[in-house]
Amino acid sequence: MSFVRRSIAAVVLSIVAASQAVAQVTEISVGTVGGGNALEWPLYIAEKKGFLEQEKLALEWVGVQSSAAVMQQVAAGSLNLGTTGLADSLRAADKGAPSRLVRIGVGVSPYEAVAARSVKSWIDLRGKTVMIGGAKDITRLYFEDMAKANRLGPGEYDYVFAGSTAARFSALTSGSVAATILFPPYNFLALREGYASLGLSANYTKNFPFSTYSANMNWARNNKGSISGFLAAYAKGVDWFYERANRDEAISILMSYLKSDPKDVADTYDYFVKLHVFDRVGAVGGSGVENYLAILKRDGDLEGGTDLGRFYDASLVH
């Protein structure tokens, strides 16, 4: 074979090998509320540091209006995975949606109740309008736990709703509501602008996890390897996040996704480390999901039983 022919053959083989490598990468569509948020930090790290690539995975991020809408798209098969509040993932499975939990995202609530500058205490919210995520959103439980502990009962204030923390922040700063519930970095930004903190939800509600990842079952049954790879990359992202030497780079990574103020992101990092919001395993069993199922059943918000097997399929993650 001539030198030219050997060279052409080598080029063709390299192109074929590259094409095969690209073809081996599996893309997973992941729905998140709004344009993303700090709760997805381990996955942002997993993307930037190549942990997903090591598992031959790539993510397609899909921004959705609300947590409930994320689960609707997971149920319909438009999304492979969805990251939502605990309540919406449980309700979807309860109503027969082909979706199941695959891991806990955040085990503790990172919310802070923030009020208008004129509000000095919870009692000042009597007769006022406040904003939470939704009528049956988990933020309602957090907000009401805090309010009742401060002698303000349900019915003493009015609700309006917005699914994303960014929208709730905008409503507060525009003067549309007297108080709302925010997670970082929006709470830090609000406080720097002189809005009043009414406390952290983590100090009130501690018996069940905050956010989850759910999978469309029709997709999951045929992609258990991809789920395993996703969970492994996520775990590496969590480990990397907690390495103090990585603090500055972790801040830069989140800023590259959210375009947030550096101080807000730095405060968020320190706050998340303090609360230990991310767990590397995120095991569903033993996380307190059963506690919230009992609350939903008590309040008539669950059609079926509270057996964890209705909401979580362990075979998907082992």
Foldseek 3Di string as FASTA:
>chain_A
DDPVVVVVVVVVVVVVVVVVLLVQAAEFEEEEEALDDPLCLLVLLLVVVVLLVVLSYHYDYDYDFAQLVQLVCQLVVVGFKYKHWLQNLQLCLLVPRQKFFDFFSWLFAQKWKWFALVDDALVVQFAWEEEEADPRGVRVVLVQQLSVVRVHHPPRHHYDHGRDQVVRLVCRVVVVGGMYMHGFLSVVVCVVVNIGIHGGSRVGDRQAGTMTMMGRNVVLVVPLSSSQSVLQSSLVSLVLLLPPVCLVVSLVSVCVSVVDDSVRSSVNSVSCNVVVGGDSRRDPPPSNSLVVLVVCVVVVNGDDDSPSVSHHDVVSHD
